[in-house]
């Protein structure tokens, strides 16, 4: 895979048309970006960086239309009340997993993703980065080579089995912690409706939605998106916009109607017991990190009957070095767990 750069500043419109995708160019000069950042600096409590080193991660790039009026307005609304850049980045993270659905479809612009409320990993990463940049937080793409198995969960089996190749490139977002001057990965690929496991980001450590043995290597980081290469891959697979809407979207939407127990069973059937357990385990331990003392406060999915779990809520359950499996989540019907660490 080529790292994205100037070669991708111009979209292959012919290829895009074949896939049924339309693009509206949105560009700003460096002077316009700096002026926009100065205005943002008056509206947010953190110091917006305007250094030459970070400017590429603050300007609009292809399919990441930072500072677009629609994106900027939504970004400021999302981060209202945030006191630090990482508070804001976490607010954007939870917005992305709760409001923007995952959808297997060709790449599209950030305003389009915001309007339709859905997108693939690269589209969601682009929107997430655009929201970050629009409130003065540098954002960049992270590229990881991974087994194709990662998308097996959300694609019908008969379609998955016909897909060429054994690996793909997974794209996620990195947010820049302005106060600590540190980049942190924060993957928002799946939405909450597709996750029967805890799905949280602590704002301190990298979050990547891949089992370690799926990941074949890190490809790199970039402020740009390799749009023409991705369009070519979608053409190779025959994944036009219409095909995805007709053949894949109904399957993904069906998964969101499943109970937590049924969704857990789907993960086991699709990934195998080991990978499903490991996925649950990785997400849990990402959040608690190295802490041992954890207050457990369940946060249940919108369609869960809280009355049935009142005993669990009132128990003040305290967990030490917990070990989770798919069965635990089937038993408790838990989809998201926030933790307070002592």
Protein backbone atom coordinates (compact mmCIF):
# COMPACT_ATOMS: atom_id res chain seq x y z
CA UNK A 1 0.00 0.00 0.00
CA UNK A 2 1.30 3.44 -0.91
CA UNK A 3 1.17 6.02 1.83
CA UNK A 4 -1.25 8.77 0.88
CA UNK A 5 0.16 12.09 -0.18
CA UNK A 6 -0.02 14.61 -2.98
CA UNK A 7 -0.84 11.86 -5.48
CA UNK A 8 -4.23 11.54 -3.83
CA UNK A 9 -5.09 15.24 -3.79
CA UNK A 10 -7.10 14.62 -6.98
CA UNK A 11 -9.79 11.92 -6.95
CA UNK A 12 -10.14 9.63 -9.95
CA UNK A 13 -13.64 10.84 -10.78
CA UNK A 14 -14.13 8.20 -13.45
CA UNK A 15 -13.44 5.43 -10.95
CA UNK A 16 -15.68 7.14 -8.41
CA UNK A 17 -18.50 7.35 -10.94
CA UNK A 18 -18.21 3.61 -11.65
CA UNK A 19 -18.79 2.97 -7.95
CA UNK A 20 -21.73 5.38 -7.84
CA UNK A 21 -20.04 7.91 -5.58
CA UNK A 22 -20.10 11.71 -5.97
CA UNK A 23 -17.55 14.10 -4.51
CA UNK A 24 -17.62 17.82 -3.76
CA UNK A 25 -14.09 19.29 -3.51
CA UNK A 26 -13.38 21.38 -0.42
CA UNK A 27 -10.04 23.13 -0.05
CA UNK A 28 -8.50 25.89 2.05
CA UNK A 29 -5.18 27.68 1.74
CA UNK A 30 -2.75 27.52 4.66
CA UNK A 31 -3.53 31.17 5.47
CA UNK A 32 -7.25 30.37 5.58
CA UNK A 33 -6.59 27.38 7.83
CA UNK A 34 -4.48 29.46 10.23
CA UNK A 35 -7.20 32.11 10.39
CA UNK A 36 -9.82 29.43 11.07
CA UNK A 37 -7.64 28.03 13.86
CA UNK A 38 -7.26 31.49 15.40
CA UNK A 39 -11.03 31.82 15.48
CA UNK A 40 -11.38 28.36 17.05
CA UNK A 41 -8.82 29.33 19.68
CA UNK A 42 -11.29 31.97 20.89
CA UNK A 43 -14.05 29.37 21.31
CA UNK A 44 -12.26 26.49 23.07
CA UNK A 45 -10.35 26.46 26.39
CA UNK A 46 -7.29 24.57 25.10
CA UNK A 47 -4.45 26.24 23.21
CA UNK A 48 -4.82 25.43 19.52
CA UNK A 49 -1.41 24.64 17.97
CA UNK A 50 -0.48 26.40 14.73
CA UNK A 51 3.08 25.11 14.36
CA UNK A 52 4.44 24.17 10.94
CA UNK A 53 4.92 20.60 12.19
CA UNK A 54 1.24 20.12 13.12
CA UNK A 55 -0.44 22.25 10.45
CA UNK A 56 -0.81 19.30 7.98
CA UNK A 57 -2.88 17.53 10.66
CA UNK A 58 -5.19 20.54 11.11
CA UNK A 59 -6.08 21.43 7.54
CA UNK A 60 -8.79 19.87 5.35
CA UNK A 61 -7.58 16.97 3.23
CA UNK A 62 -9.28 14.75 0.71
CA UNK A 63 -12.41 13.12 2.23
CA UNK A 64 -11.59 14.82 5.53
CA UNK A 65 -13.23 18.21 5.12
CA UNK A 66 -12.14 19.85 8.37
CA UNK A 67 -13.52 23.38 8.93
CA UNK A 68 -16.39 22.74 6.51
CA UNK A 69 -19.32 24.75 7.97
CA UNK A 70 -21.41 21.63 8.69
CA UNK A 71 -18.49 19.79 10.27
CA UNK A 72 -17.36 22.77 12.35
CA UNK A 73 -20.85 23.44 13.69
CA UNK A 74 -21.33 19.81 14.71
CA UNK A 75 -17.84 19.57 16.23
CA UNK A 76 -18.39 22.63 18.44
CA UNK A 77 -21.73 21.24 19.55
CA UNK A 78 -20.19 17.85 20.44
CA UNK A 79 -17.32 19.25 22.54
CA UNK A 80 -19.37 21.84 24.42
CA UNK A 81 -18.26 21.74 28.05
CA UNK A 82 -14.89 20.08 27.37
CA UNK A 83 -12.04 21.62 29.37
CA UNK A 84 -9.07 19.94 27.69
CA UNK A 85 -8.24 18.64 24.23
CA UNK A 86 -8.43 15.04 25.40
CA UNK A 87 -11.86 15.65 26.96
CA UNK A 88 -12.98 16.91 23.56
CA UNK A 89 -11.37 13.97 21.74
CA UNK A 90 -13.21 11.56 24.04
CA UNK A 91 -16.52 13.34 23.42
CA UNK A 92 -15.94 12.97 19.68
CA UNK A 93 -15.03 9.29 20.16
CA UNK A 94 -18.31 8.51 21.94
CA UNK A 95 -20.24 10.54 19.38
CA UNK A 96 -18.71 8.45 16.59
CA UNK A 97 -19.59 5.08 18.14
CA UNK A 98 -23.09 6.10 19.23
CA UNK A 99 -24.27 8.30 16.34
CA UNK A 100 -22.35 7.16 13.23
CA UNK A 101 -23.07 3.61 12.06
CA UNK A 102 -20.58 1.30 10.40
CA UNK A 103 -21.47 0.50 6.79
CA UNK A 104 -19.54 -1.45 4.17
CA UNK A 105 -19.56 1.02 1.27
CA UNK A 106 -17.14 3.01 -0.92
CA UNK A 107 -15.34 6.06 0.56
CA UNK A 108 -17.29 9.31 0.83
CA UNK A 109 -16.80 12.86 2.09
CA UNK A 110 -17.04 13.83 5.74
CA UNK A 111 -20.11 16.08 5.22
CA UNK A 112 -21.81 13.19 3.41
CA UNK A 113 -20.92 10.82 6.27
CA UNK A 114 -22.34 13.34 8.74
CA UNK A 115 -25.59 13.67 6.77
CA UNK A 116 -26.09 9.93 6.23
CA UNK A 117 -24.76 8.96 9.69
CA UNK A 118 -22.78 5.99 8.37
CA UNK A 119 -19.54 4.92 6.71
CA UNK A 120 -16.78 2.33 6.44
CA UNK A 121 -13.66 2.36 8.66
CA UNK A 122 -11.91 4.92 6.43
CA UNK A 123 -15.00 7.14 6.12
CA UNK A 124 -15.59 7.08 9.88
CA UNK A 125 -11.91 7.81 10.52
CA UNK A 126 -12.11 10.72 8.07
CA UNK A 127 -15.16 12.19 9.80
CA UNK A 128 -13.62 11.68 13.24
CA UNK A 129 -10.41 13.42 12.14
CA UNK A 130 -12.38 16.23 10.47
CA UNK A 131 -14.29 16.83 13.72
CA UNK A 132 -11.03 16.86 15.71
CA UNK A 133 -9.33 19.29 13.33
CA UNK A 134 -12.38 21.55 13.27
CA UNK A 135 -11.96 22.26 17.00
CA UNK A 136 -8.20 22.72 16.79
CA UNK A 137 -7.08 19.19 17.70
CA UNK A 138 -4.60 17.62 15.26
CA UNK A 139 -5.82 14.32 13.81
CA UNK A 140 -4.22 11.77 11.50
CA UNK A 141 -4.90 8.42 9.84
CA UNK A 142 -3.36 5.20 11.15
CA UNK A 143 -2.98 2.27 8.72
CA UNK A 144 -2.71 -1.38 9.79
CA UNK A 145 -2.45 -4.45 7.58
CA UNK A 146 -4.84 -7.09 8.90
CA UNK A 147 -6.42 -10.39 8.01
CA UNK A 148 -9.60 -9.97 5.98
CA UNK A 149 -11.34 -11.78 8.85
CA UNK A 150 -11.86 -8.42 10.53
CA UNK A 151 -14.85 -7.64 8.27
CA UNK A 152 -16.31 -11.14 8.41
CA UNK A 153 -18.58 -10.02 11.25
CA UNK A 154 -20.49 -7.47 9.17
CA UNK A 155 -20.61 -9.07 5.70
CA UNK A 156 -22.87 -11.98 4.65
CA UNK A 157 -20.93 -15.25 4.49
CA UNK A 158 -21.64 -15.87 0.80
CA UNK A 159 -20.21 -12.44 -0.09
CA UNK A 160 -17.23 -12.72 2.25
CA UNK A 161 -16.21 -16.10 0.79
CA UNK A 162 -16.03 -14.58 -2.71
CA UNK A 163 -13.84 -11.63 -1.68
CA UNK A 164 -10.36 -11.77 -3.25
CA UNK A 165 -7.24 -11.72 -1.09
CA UNK A 166 -6.56 -12.73 2.49
CA UNK A 167 -5.78 -9.35 4.02
CA UNK A 168 -6.91 -5.74 3.93
CA UNK A 169 -5.78 -2.35 5.24
CA UNK A 170 -7.63 -1.15 8.32
CA UNK A 171 -7.77 2.59 8.88
CA UNK A 172 -8.44 4.36 12.15
CA UNK A 173 -7.86 7.78 13.70
CA UNK A 174 -5.15 9.16 15.98
CA UNK A 175 -5.90 12.21 18.13
CA UNK A 176 -3.17 14.55 19.35
CA UNK A 177 -3.18 15.13 23.11
CA UNK A 178 -2.23 18.82 23.06
CA UNK A 179 -1.51 19.08 26.79
CA UNK A 180 0.79 16.02 26.81
CA UNK A 181 2.08 16.45 23.24
CA UNK A 182 1.31 12.83 22.43
CA UNK A 183 -0.56 10.98 19.66
CA UNK A 184 -3.15 8.40 20.79
CA UNK A 185 -5.00 5.94 18.57
CA UNK A 186 -8.79 5.89 19.02
CA UNK A 187 -10.54 3.45 16.68
CA UNK A 188 -14.28 4.10 16.19
CA UNK A 189 -14.91 1.69 13.30
CA UNK A 190 -17.86 -0.24 14.74
CA UNK A 191 -20.89 1.43 16.28
CA UNK A 192 -22.38 0.39 19.61
CA UNK A 193 -25.20 -1.50 17.92
CA UNK A 194 -22.69 -3.97 16.44
CA UNK A 195 -20.72 -4.50 19.65
CA UNK A 196 -21.93 -6.87 22.39
CA UNK A 197 -18.73 -6.12 24.36
CA UNK A 198 -17.54 -3.08 26.35
CA UNK A 199 -16.56 -0.37 23.88
CA UNK A 200 -14.73 2.45 25.60
CA UNK A 201 -11.68 4.64 25.15
CA UNK A 202 -9.84 5.92 28.21
CA UNK A 203 -8.14 8.84 26.45
CA UNK A 204 -4.74 7.62 27.65
CA UNK A 205 -3.79 4.52 25.67
CA UNK A 206 -4.18 3.37 22.07
CA UNK A 207 -7.41 1.60 21.12
CA UNK A 208 -7.33 -0.61 18.00
CA UNK A 209 -10.25 -2.94 17.20
CA UNK A 210 -8.08 -5.85 16.08
CA UNK A 211 -7.05 -9.08 17.77
CA UNK A 212 -3.21 -9.13 17.86
CA UNK A 213 -2.95 -12.17 15.58
CA UNK A 214 -5.21 -10.54 12.97
CA UNK A 215 -2.81 -7.62 12.69
CA UNK A 216 -0.04 -8.37 10.19
CA UNK A 217 1.85 -5.14 10.67
CA UNK A 218 1.61 -1.38 11.00
CA UNK A 219 1.78 0.39 7.64
CA UNK A 220 2.17 3.97 8.83
CA UNK A 221 0.58 7.30 9.79
CA UNK A 222 -0.46 10.12 7.49
CA UNK A 223 -2.56 13.30 7.37
CA UNK A 224 -3.86 12.06 4.00
CA UNK A 225 -6.19 9.35 2.80
CA UNK A 226 -5.26 6.98 -0.10
CA UNK A 227 -8.61 7.43 -1.79
CA UNK A 228 -7.78 6.23 -5.30
CA UNK A 229 -6.19 3.03 -4.01
CA UNK A 230 -9.28 2.33 -1.90
CA UNK A 231 -11.61 3.07 -4.81
CA UNK A 232 -9.62 0.56 -6.85
CA UNK A 233 -10.07 -2.12 -4.18
CA UNK A 234 -13.81 -1.55 -4.09
CA UNK A 235 -13.96 -1.84 -7.87
CA UNK A 236 -11.97 -5.11 -7.70
CA UNK A 237 -14.49 -6.54 -5.25
CA UNK A 238 -17.50 -5.23 -7.16
CA UNK A 239 -18.57 -3.22 -4.11
CA UNK A 240 -20.40 -0.35 -5.77
CA UNK A 241 -22.59 1.97 -3.71
CA UNK A 242 -25.75 0.28 -5.01
CA UNK A 243 -24.40 -3.25 -4.45
CA UNK A 244 -23.47 -2.48 -0.83
CA UNK A 245 -26.85 -0.86 -0.14
CA UNK A 246 -28.71 -3.80 -1.66
CA UNK A 247 -26.64 -6.82 -0.57
CA UNK A 248 -24.75 -5.83 2.60
CA UNK A 249 -26.65 -3.05 4.42
CA UNK A 250 -29.71 -5.24 5.22
CA UNK A 251 -27.43 -7.85 6.83
CA UNK A 252 -25.65 -5.23 8.96
CA UNK A 253 -28.94 -3.63 10.00
CA UNK A 254 -30.27 -7.05 10.99
CA UNK A 255 -27.30 -7.50 13.35
CA UNK A 256 -28.32 -4.30 15.16
CA UNK A 257 -31.75 -5.79 15.91
CA UNK A 258 -30.24 -8.79 17.73
CA UNK A 259 -30.21 -9.10 21.49
CA UNK A 260 -26.81 -9.05 23.18
CA UNK A 261 -26.99 -12.82 23.62
CA UNK A 262 -27.76 -13.36 19.93
CA UNK A 263 -25.02 -10.95 18.88
CA UNK A 264 -22.51 -12.78 21.08
CA UNK A 265 -23.48 -16.05 19.41
CA UNK A 266 -23.00 -14.41 16.00
CA UNK A 267 -19.46 -13.38 17.00
CA UNK A 268 -18.69 -16.94 18.13
CA UNK A 269 -20.08 -18.51 14.97
CA UNK A 270 -18.34 -16.03 12.71
CA UNK A 271 -14.95 -15.58 14.37
CA UNK A 272 -14.63 -18.78 16.36
CA UNK A 273 -14.64 -19.08 20.12
CA UNK A 274 -11.00 -18.08 20.66
CA UNK A 275 -11.17 -14.88 18.62
CA UNK A 276 -14.55 -13.86 20.05
CA UNK A 277 -13.29 -14.34 23.62
CA UNK A 278 -10.08 -12.48 22.85
CA UNK A 279 -11.96 -9.58 21.27
CA UNK A 280 -14.06 -9.20 24.43
CA UNK A 281 -10.99 -9.56 26.65
CA UNK A 282 -8.92 -7.01 24.73
CA UNK A 283 -11.64 -4.36 24.84
CA UNK A 284 -12.15 -4.80 28.58
CA UNK A 285 -8.48 -4.75 29.53
CA UNK A 286 -7.81 -1.81 27.26
CA UNK A 287 -10.06 0.30 29.44
CA UNK A 288 -8.97 -0.84 32.87
CA UNK A 289 -5.33 -1.00 31.85
CA UNK A 290 -3.02 -2.00 34.69
CA UNK A 291 -5.41 -0.93 37.46
CA UNK A 292 -6.66 -3.69 39.75
CA UNK A 293 -9.26 -1.85 41.82
CA UNK A 294 -12.32 -1.26 39.66
CA UNK A 295 -15.81 -0.09 40.54
CA UNK A 296 -18.14 -1.79 38.10
CA UNK A 297 -21.08 0.35 36.94
CA UNK A 298 -23.02 -1.25 34.09
CA UNK A 299 -24.17 0.92 31.21
CA UNK A 300 -26.62 -1.08 29.14
CA UNK A 301 -27.59 -0.81 25.52
CA UNK A 302 -30.71 1.22 24.75
CA UNK A 303 -32.84 -1.90 24.13
CA UNK A 304 -31.97 -3.67 27.39
CA UNK A 305 -34.53 -3.96 30.19
CA UNK A 306 -32.82 -2.35 33.18
CA UNK A 307 -35.40 -3.70 35.64
CA UNK A 308 -34.28 -7.25 34.93
CA UNK A 309 -30.76 -6.30 36.04
CA UNK A 310 -31.53 -4.15 39.08
CA UNK A 311 -29.96 -6.66 41.48
CA UNK A 312 -26.70 -6.46 39.57
CA UNK A 313 -26.79 -2.67 39.59
CA UNK A 314 -27.49 -2.47 43.32
CA UNK A 315 -24.87 -5.03 44.28
CA UNK A 316 -21.98 -2.60 43.86
CA UNK A 317 -20.07 -5.50 42.35
CA UNK A 318 -16.33 -5.15 42.81
CA UNK A 319 -14.01 -6.99 40.46
CA UNK A 320 -10.35 -7.92 40.86
CA UNK A 321 -8.34 -8.99 37.82
CA UNK A 322 -11.51 -9.97 35.93
CA UNK A 323 -11.41 -12.47 33.10
CA UNK A 324 -14.14 -12.12 30.51
CA UNK A 325 -15.48 -14.50 27.92
CA UNK A 326 -18.33 -14.25 25.44
CA UNK A 327 -20.51 -16.24 27.86
CA UNK A 328 -20.16 -13.53 30.52
CA UNK A 329 -21.59 -10.94 28.17
CA UNK A 330 -24.35 -13.29 27.08
CA UNK A 331 -25.23 -13.81 30.74
CA UNK A 332 -25.19 -10.15 31.74
CA UNK A 333 -26.40 -8.64 28.45
CA UNK A 334 -23.80 -5.91 28.75
CA UNK A 335 -22.75 -3.91 25.72
CA UNK A 336 -20.84 -0.98 27.23
CA UNK A 337 -19.14 -0.60 30.60
CA UNK A 338 -17.73 2.67 31.96
CA UNK A 339 -15.30 2.26 34.86
CA UNK A 340 -14.16 4.47 37.70
CA UNK A 341 -10.63 3.52 38.70
CA UNK A 342 -9.31 4.24 42.15
